[in-house]
């Protein structure tokens, strides 16, 4: 069971992290959104004039942080459940704020929102398994 949890968490962290690093990098390098087919029109209800700041936030908080959580999971660091849950919360928050600012729901919002919720659940399950292991 624990092996399955590790595999699921690893896949989700890598899926989120690699996608966020790629997307965030592209948004910082091409702030008009052209490299990943985003239109500047999507920003009309946001405080942003281009995608640089959202790209930076995406790169750091969803990209790099996912990789940190993955490394902690890989090395079985004692705080890995907390990092996984934190990444899930960050991802869910990112998606909710994005939907509110863009005033639309895109299929990736559903996929990534589900990924964030799954990470929250997986982190909790790791935490629960670690507590039962140490209390026995």
N, C-alpha and C. Protein backbone atom coordinates (compact mmCIF):
# COMPACT_ATOMS: atom_id res chain seq x y z
N UNK A 1 0.82 -1.20 0.00
CA UNK A 1 0.00 0.00 0.00
C UNK A 1 0.86 1.26 0.00
N UNK A 2 1.89 1.28 0.85
CA UNK A 2 2.74 2.47 0.93
C UNK A 2 3.47 2.69 -0.41
N UNK A 3 3.86 1.60 -1.05
CA UNK A 3 4.55 1.71 -2.35
C UNK A 3 3.64 2.38 -3.38
N UNK A 4 2.35 2.00 -3.37
CA UNK A 4 1.39 2.61 -4.29
C UNK A 4 1.24 4.11 -4.00
N UNK A 5 1.19 4.47 -2.73
CA UNK A 5 1.10 5.89 -2.37
C UNK A 5 2.33 6.66 -2.84
N UNK A 6 3.50 6.06 -2.71
CA UNK A 6 4.74 6.71 -3.16
C UNK A 6 4.71 6.91 -4.67
N UNK A 7 4.29 5.90 -5.40
CA UNK A 7 4.22 6.00 -6.86
C UNK A 7 3.23 7.07 -7.28
N UNK A 8 2.03 7.06 -6.68
CA UNK A 8 1.02 8.06 -7.03
C UNK A 8 1.50 9.48 -6.73
N UNK A 9 2.04 9.67 -5.54
CA UNK A 9 2.53 11.00 -5.16
C UNK A 9 3.67 11.44 -6.08
N UNK A 10 4.57 10.53 -6.41
CA UNK A 10 5.69 10.85 -7.30
C UNK A 10 5.19 11.28 -8.67
N UNK A 11 4.27 10.52 -9.22
CA UNK A 11 3.74 10.84 -10.55
C UNK A 11 3.06 12.21 -10.54
N UNK A 12 2.23 12.46 -9.52
CA UNK A 12 1.52 13.74 -9.46
C UNK A 12 2.46 14.92 -9.23
N UNK A 13 3.45 14.75 -8.37
CA UNK A 13 4.42 15.82 -8.14
C UNK A 13 5.23 16.12 -9.39
N UNK A 14 5.64 15.06 -10.09
CA UNK A 14 6.40 15.27 -11.32
C UNK A 14 5.54 15.86 -12.43
N UNK A 15 4.30 15.40 -12.55
CA UNK A 15 3.36 15.94 -13.53
C UNK A 15 3.17 17.44 -13.31
N UNK A 16 2.89 17.81 -12.07
CA UNK A 16 2.69 19.21 -11.74
C UNK A 16 3.99 20.00 -11.88
N UNK A 17 5.07 19.47 -11.34
CA UNK A 17 6.33 20.19 -11.32
C UNK A 17 6.91 20.43 -12.70
N UNK A 18 6.95 19.40 -13.52
CA UNK A 18 7.51 19.55 -14.87
C UNK A 18 6.64 20.49 -15.70
N UNK A 19 5.33 20.32 -15.61
CA UNK A 19 4.42 21.20 -16.34
C UNK A 19 4.55 22.65 -15.90
N UNK A 20 4.67 22.87 -14.59
CA UNK A 20 4.78 24.23 -14.07
C UNK A 20 6.13 24.86 -14.41
N UNK A 21 7.19 24.07 -14.37
CA UNK A 21 8.51 24.60 -14.77
C UNK A 21 8.49 24.99 -16.24
N UNK A 22 7.94 24.13 -17.07
CA UNK A 22 7.85 24.41 -18.51
C UNK A 22 6.97 25.64 -18.77
N UNK A 23 5.78 25.63 -18.20
CA UNK A 23 4.85 26.74 -18.42
C UNK A 23 5.37 28.04 -17.84
N UNK A 24 5.88 28.00 -16.62
CA UNK A 24 6.39 29.19 -15.98
C UNK A 24 7.58 29.78 -16.72
N UNK A 25 8.49 28.92 -17.16
CA UNK A 25 9.64 29.39 -17.93
C UNK A 25 9.19 30.07 -19.22
N UNK A 26 8.27 29.43 -19.92
CA UNK A 26 7.78 30.00 -21.18
C UNK A 26 7.08 31.34 -20.96
N UNK A 27 6.32 31.45 -19.89
CA UNK A 27 5.63 32.70 -19.61
C UNK A 27 6.60 33.81 -19.23
N UNK A 28 7.70 33.46 -18.56
CA UNK A 28 8.70 34.47 -18.22
C UNK A 28 9.50 34.89 -19.45
N UNK A 29 9.82 33.93 -20.31
CA UNK A 29 10.61 34.24 -21.50
C UNK A 29 9.78 34.93 -22.59
N UNK A 30 8.51 34.56 -22.66
CA UNK A 30 7.59 35.13 -23.66
C UNK A 30 6.35 35.64 -22.93
N UNK A 31 6.45 36.79 -22.27
CA UNK A 31 5.36 37.27 -21.41
C UNK A 31 4.06 37.58 -22.15
N UNK A 32 4.09 37.57 -23.47
CA UNK A 32 2.84 37.76 -24.22
C UNK A 32 2.04 36.46 -24.29
N UNK A 33 2.61 35.34 -23.82
CA UNK A 33 1.92 34.06 -23.81
C UNK A 33 1.98 33.30 -25.11
N UNK A 34 2.63 33.86 -26.11
CA UNK A 34 2.62 33.27 -27.46
C UNK A 34 3.26 31.89 -27.53
N UNK A 35 4.26 31.62 -26.72
CA UNK A 35 4.97 30.34 -26.82
C UNK A 35 4.10 29.15 -26.39
N UNK A 36 3.08 29.41 -25.59
CA UNK A 36 2.18 28.32 -25.18
C UNK A 36 0.72 28.63 -25.54
N UNK A 37 0.57 29.42 -26.58
CA UNK A 37 -0.74 29.75 -27.15
C UNK A 37 -1.73 30.35 -26.16
N UNK A 38 -1.25 31.25 -25.31
CA UNK A 38 -2.14 32.00 -24.44
C UNK A 38 -2.34 33.40 -25.04
N UNK A 39 -3.54 33.86 -25.02
CA UNK A 39 -3.83 35.19 -25.54
C UNK A 39 -3.79 36.23 -24.42
N UNK A 40 -3.27 37.41 -24.70
CA UNK A 40 -3.27 38.48 -23.69
C UNK A 40 -4.70 38.87 -23.26
N UNK A 41 -5.70 38.54 -24.06
CA UNK A 41 -7.09 38.83 -23.70
C UNK A 41 -7.51 38.15 -22.39
N UNK A 42 -6.90 37.03 -22.07
CA UNK A 42 -7.24 36.33 -20.83
C UNK A 42 -6.90 37.14 -19.60
N UNK A 43 -6.04 38.12 -19.75
CA UNK A 43 -5.60 38.93 -18.61
C UNK A 43 -6.49 40.14 -18.35
N UNK A 44 -7.54 40.33 -19.14
CA UNK A 44 -8.33 41.56 -19.05
C UNK A 44 -8.98 41.78 -17.68
N UNK A 45 -9.29 40.72 -16.93
CA UNK A 45 -9.91 40.86 -15.61
C UNK A 45 -8.89 40.70 -14.47
N UNK A 46 -7.62 40.72 -14.81
CA UNK A 46 -6.57 40.51 -13.81
C UNK A 46 -5.77 41.80 -13.62
N UNK A 47 -4.96 41.87 -12.57
CA UNK A 47 -4.11 43.06 -12.39
C UNK A 47 -2.84 43.03 -13.26
N UNK A 48 -2.71 42.03 -14.12
CA UNK A 48 -1.48 41.85 -14.90
C UNK A 48 -1.64 42.35 -16.33
N UNK A 49 -0.57 42.94 -16.86
CA UNK A 49 -0.57 43.39 -18.25
C UNK A 49 0.08 42.36 -19.16
N UNK A 50 0.87 41.45 -18.56
CA UNK A 50 1.46 40.35 -19.32
C UNK A 50 1.61 39.15 -18.37
N UNK A 51 2.17 38.07 -18.88
CA UNK A 51 2.24 36.82 -18.13
C UNK A 51 3.52 36.62 -17.33
N UNK A 52 4.40 37.62 -17.26
CA UNK A 52 5.68 37.41 -16.58
C UNK A 52 5.50 37.07 -15.09
N UNK A 53 4.78 37.87 -14.34
CA UNK A 53 4.61 37.63 -12.90
C UNK A 53 3.86 36.30 -12.65
N UNK A 54 2.74 36.03 -13.34
CA UNK A 54 2.12 34.72 -13.15
C UNK A 54 3.08 33.57 -13.50
N UNK A 55 3.91 33.76 -14.53
CA UNK A 55 4.88 32.74 -14.90
C UNK A 55 5.92 32.52 -13.82
N UNK A 56 6.38 33.59 -13.21
CA UNK A 56 7.36 33.50 -12.12
C UNK A 56 6.77 32.76 -10.92
N UNK A 57 5.56 33.12 -10.56
CA UNK A 57 4.88 32.47 -9.43
C UNK A 57 4.66 30.99 -9.75
N UNK A 58 4.22 30.69 -10.95
CA UNK A 58 4.01 29.31 -11.38
C UNK A 58 5.32 28.53 -11.31
N UNK A 59 6.38 29.09 -11.82
CA UNK A 59 7.69 28.43 -11.85
C UNK A 59 8.18 28.10 -10.45
N UNK A 60 8.09 29.08 -9.55
CA UNK A 60 8.63 28.90 -8.19
C UNK A 60 7.73 28.01 -7.33
N UNK A 61 6.45 28.39 -7.21
CA UNK A 61 5.59 27.74 -6.23
C UNK A 61 5.00 26.42 -6.68
N UNK A 62 4.77 26.25 -7.97
CA UNK A 62 4.27 24.96 -8.44
C UNK A 62 5.35 24.12 -9.07
N UNK A 63 6.34 24.75 -9.71
CA UNK A 63 7.42 24.01 -10.35
C UNK A 63 8.50 23.59 -9.37
N UNK A 64 9.23 24.57 -8.85
CA UNK A 64 10.34 24.25 -7.96
C UNK A 64 9.88 23.57 -6.68
N UNK A 65 8.77 24.04 -6.10
CA UNK A 65 8.30 23.45 -4.85
C UNK A 65 7.87 22.00 -5.05
N UNK A 66 7.26 21.68 -6.20
CA UNK A 66 6.91 20.29 -6.49
C UNK A 66 8.16 19.42 -6.55
N UNK A 67 9.23 19.97 -7.12
CA UNK A 67 10.48 19.20 -7.22
C UNK A 67 11.10 18.99 -5.84
N UNK A 68 11.01 20.01 -4.98
CA UNK A 68 11.51 19.86 -3.61
C UNK A 68 10.72 18.77 -2.89
N UNK A 69 9.39 18.80 -3.04
CA UNK A 69 8.55 17.78 -2.40
C UNK A 69 8.87 16.39 -2.96
N UNK A 70 9.12 16.30 -4.27
CA UNK A 70 9.47 15.02 -4.88
C UNK A 70 10.79 14.49 -4.32
N UNK A 71 11.79 15.35 -4.21
CA UNK A 71 13.09 14.93 -3.67
C UNK A 71 12.94 14.47 -2.22
N UNK A 72 12.16 15.19 -1.43
CA UNK A 72 11.92 14.78 -0.03
C UNK A 72 11.23 13.43 0.02
N UNK A 73 10.29 13.20 -0.90
CA UNK A 73 9.61 11.90 -0.96
C UNK A 73 10.59 10.81 -1.38
N UNK A 74 11.40 11.10 -2.38
CA UNK A 74 12.37 10.13 -2.90
C UNK A 74 13.34 9.69 -1.82
N UNK A 75 13.79 10.63 -0.99
CA UNK A 75 14.74 10.32 0.07
C UNK A 75 14.05 10.00 1.40
N UNK A 76 12.72 9.89 1.37
CA UNK A 76 11.93 9.53 2.54
C UNK A 76 12.22 10.45 3.73
N UNK A 77 12.32 11.73 3.44
CA UNK A 77 12.55 12.71 4.51
C UNK A 77 11.31 12.78 5.39
N UNK A 78 11.52 13.00 6.66
CA UNK A 78 10.40 12.96 7.61
C UNK A 78 9.34 14.03 7.35
N UNK A 79 9.68 15.13 6.68
CA UNK A 79 8.67 16.16 6.42
C UNK A 79 7.97 15.99 5.08
N UNK A 80 8.26 14.90 4.36
CA UNK A 80 7.65 14.76 3.03
C UNK A 80 6.13 14.79 3.03
N UNK A 81 5.42 14.23 4.03
CA UNK A 81 3.95 14.35 3.99
C UNK A 81 3.48 15.80 4.04
N UNK A 82 4.18 16.62 4.84
CA UNK A 82 3.81 18.03 4.95
C UNK A 82 4.08 18.77 3.66
N UNK A 83 5.19 18.44 3.00
CA UNK A 83 5.51 19.08 1.73
C UNK A 83 4.51 18.69 0.64
N UNK A 84 4.10 17.44 0.65
CA UNK A 84 3.11 16.98 -0.34
C UNK A 84 1.77 17.69 -0.11
N UNK A 85 1.35 17.79 1.15
CA UNK A 85 0.10 18.49 1.44
C UNK A 85 0.22 19.98 1.12
N UNK A 86 1.37 20.57 1.42
CA UNK A 86 1.57 21.99 1.10
C UNK A 86 1.49 22.21 -0.40
N UNK A 87 2.11 21.32 -1.18
CA UNK A 87 2.04 21.46 -2.63
C UNK A 87 0.61 21.30 -3.13
N UNK A 88 -0.12 20.38 -2.54
CA UNK A 88 -1.53 20.23 -2.91
C UNK A 88 -2.32 21.49 -2.62
N UNK A 89 -2.09 22.09 -1.46
CA UNK A 89 -2.81 23.32 -1.09
C UNK A 89 -2.41 24.48 -2.00
N UNK A 90 -1.12 24.58 -2.31
CA UNK A 90 -0.65 25.63 -3.21
C UNK A 90 -1.30 25.47 -4.58
N UNK A 91 -1.33 24.25 -5.06
CA UNK A 91 -1.90 24.00 -6.39
C UNK A 91 -3.40 24.30 -6.43
N UNK A 92 -4.12 23.85 -5.42
CA UNK A 92 -5.56 24.14 -5.36
C UNK A 92 -5.78 25.66 -5.28
N UNK A 93 -5.02 26.33 -4.43
CA UNK A 93 -5.13 27.78 -4.32
C UNK A 93 -4.82 28.48 -5.64
N UNK A 94 -3.78 28.04 -6.30
CA UNK A 94 -3.39 28.60 -7.61
C UNK A 94 -4.54 28.48 -8.60
N UNK A 95 -5.15 27.30 -8.65
CA UNK A 95 -6.22 27.05 -9.62
C UNK A 95 -7.46 27.88 -9.27
N UNK A 96 -7.84 27.93 -8.01
CA UNK A 96 -9.02 28.71 -7.61
C UNK A 96 -8.81 30.19 -7.93
N UNK A 97 -7.65 30.73 -7.56
CA UNK A 97 -7.37 32.14 -7.86
C UNK A 97 -7.35 32.38 -9.36
N UNK A 98 -6.77 31.46 -10.11
CA UNK A 98 -6.72 31.60 -11.56
C UNK A 98 -8.13 31.62 -12.16
N UNK A 99 -8.99 30.73 -11.70
CA UNK A 99 -10.37 30.71 -12.22
C UNK A 99 -11.12 31.99 -11.86
N UNK A 100 -10.90 32.48 -10.65
CA UNK A 100 -11.56 33.73 -10.24
C UNK A 100 -11.06 34.92 -11.06
N UNK A 101 -9.75 35.01 -11.27
CA UNK A 101 -9.19 36.12 -12.03
C UNK A 101 -9.56 36.06 -13.51
N UNK A 102 -9.49 34.87 -14.08
CA UNK A 102 -9.78 34.71 -15.51
C UNK A 102 -11.28 34.70 -15.79
N UNK A 103 -12.06 34.43 -14.76
CA UNK A 103 -13.52 34.35 -14.87
C UNK A 103 -13.95 33.31 -15.91
N UNK A 104 -13.24 32.19 -15.88
CA UNK A 104 -13.55 31.08 -16.76
C UNK A 104 -13.02 29.78 -16.15
N UNK A 105 -13.55 28.67 -16.62
CA UNK A 105 -13.05 27.36 -16.20
C UNK A 105 -12.61 26.62 -17.46
N UNK A 106 -11.37 26.22 -17.47
CA UNK A 106 -10.75 25.53 -18.59
C UNK A 106 -10.51 24.09 -18.14
N UNK A 107 -10.45 23.14 -19.07
CA UNK A 107 -10.31 21.74 -18.68
C UNK A 107 -9.06 21.49 -17.83
N UNK A 108 -7.99 22.25 -18.06
CA UNK A 108 -6.79 22.08 -17.24
C UNK A 108 -7.02 22.49 -15.79
N UNK A 109 -7.95 23.40 -15.56
CA UNK A 109 -8.29 23.77 -14.18
C UNK A 109 -8.83 22.56 -13.43
N UNK A 110 -9.67 21.79 -14.10
CA UNK A 110 -10.25 20.60 -13.48
C UNK A 110 -9.16 19.55 -13.21
N UNK A 111 -8.32 19.32 -14.21
CA UNK A 111 -7.25 18.32 -14.08
C UNK A 111 -6.28 18.71 -12.96
N UNK A 112 -5.82 19.94 -12.98
CA UNK A 112 -4.84 20.36 -11.98
C UNK A 112 -5.46 20.58 -10.61
N UNK A 113 -6.71 21.02 -10.57
CA UNK A 113 -7.41 21.10 -9.29
C UNK A 113 -7.54 19.72 -8.66
N UNK A 114 -7.88 18.74 -9.49
CA UNK A 114 -7.96 17.35 -9.01
C UNK A 114 -6.60 16.83 -8.55
N UNK A 115 -5.55 17.23 -9.25
CA UNK A 115 -4.19 16.85 -8.86
C UNK A 115 -3.86 17.43 -7.49
N UNK A 116 -4.22 18.68 -7.27
CA UNK A 116 -3.98 19.31 -5.96
C UNK A 116 -4.72 18.62 -4.84
N UNK A 117 -5.98 18.29 -5.09
CA UNK A 117 -6.78 17.58 -4.07
C UNK A 117 -6.18 16.21 -3.79
N UNK A 118 -5.77 15.52 -4.85
CA UNK A 118 -5.14 14.20 -4.67
C UNK A 118 -3.86 14.32 -3.85
N UNK A 119 -3.06 15.35 -4.08
CA UNK A 119 -1.84 15.54 -3.30
C UNK A 119 -2.16 15.82 -1.83
N UNK A 120 -3.19 16.59 -1.57
CA UNK A 120 -3.61 16.82 -0.18
C UNK A 120 -3.96 15.49 0.49
N UNK A 121 -4.73 14.67 -0.20
CA UNK A 121 -5.15 13.37 0.36
C UNK A 121 -3.95 12.45 0.55
N UNK A 122 -3.07 12.38 -0.46
CA UNK A 122 -1.90 11.51 -0.35
C UNK A 122 -0.98 11.94 0.78
N UNK A 123 -0.76 13.24 0.92
CA UNK A 123 0.07 13.73 2.02
C UNK A 123 -0.51 13.35 3.37
N UNK A 124 -1.83 13.49 3.48
CA UNK A 124 -2.51 13.11 4.72
C UNK A 124 -2.35 11.60 4.99
N UNK A 125 -2.49 10.78 3.95
CA UNK A 125 -2.34 9.33 4.13
C UNK A 125 -0.91 8.97 4.55
N UNK A 126 0.09 9.65 3.99
CA UNK A 126 1.48 9.44 4.42
C UNK A 126 1.65 9.82 5.88
N UNK A 127 1.08 10.94 6.26
CA UNK A 127 1.18 11.41 7.64
C UNK A 127 0.53 10.40 8.58
N UNK A 128 -0.63 9.92 8.21
CA UNK A 128 -1.35 8.94 9.02
C UNK A 128 -0.55 7.64 9.14
N UNK A 129 0.03 7.18 8.03
CA UNK A 129 0.85 5.95 8.06
C UNK A 129 2.08 6.14 8.94
N UNK A 130 2.71 7.30 8.85
CA UNK A 130 3.90 7.57 9.67
C UNK A 130 3.56 7.62 11.15
N UNK A 131 2.40 8.17 11.48
CA UNK A 131 1.99 8.24 12.90
C UNK A 131 1.68 6.86 13.46
N UNK A 132 1.02 6.01 12.70
CA UNK A 132 0.71 4.66 13.19
C UNK A 132 1.98 3.83 13.30
N UNK A 133 2.93 4.07 12.41
CA UNK A 133 4.19 3.34 12.44
C UNK A 133 4.99 3.70 13.69
N UNK A 134 4.99 4.99 14.08
CA UNK A 134 5.78 5.40 15.24
C UNK A 134 5.07 5.15 16.56
N UNK A 135 3.74 5.02 16.54
CA UNK A 135 3.02 4.81 17.80
C UNK A 135 2.91 3.34 18.18
N UNK A 136 3.33 2.44 17.33
CA UNK A 136 3.24 1.01 17.63
C UNK A 136 4.39 0.55 18.46
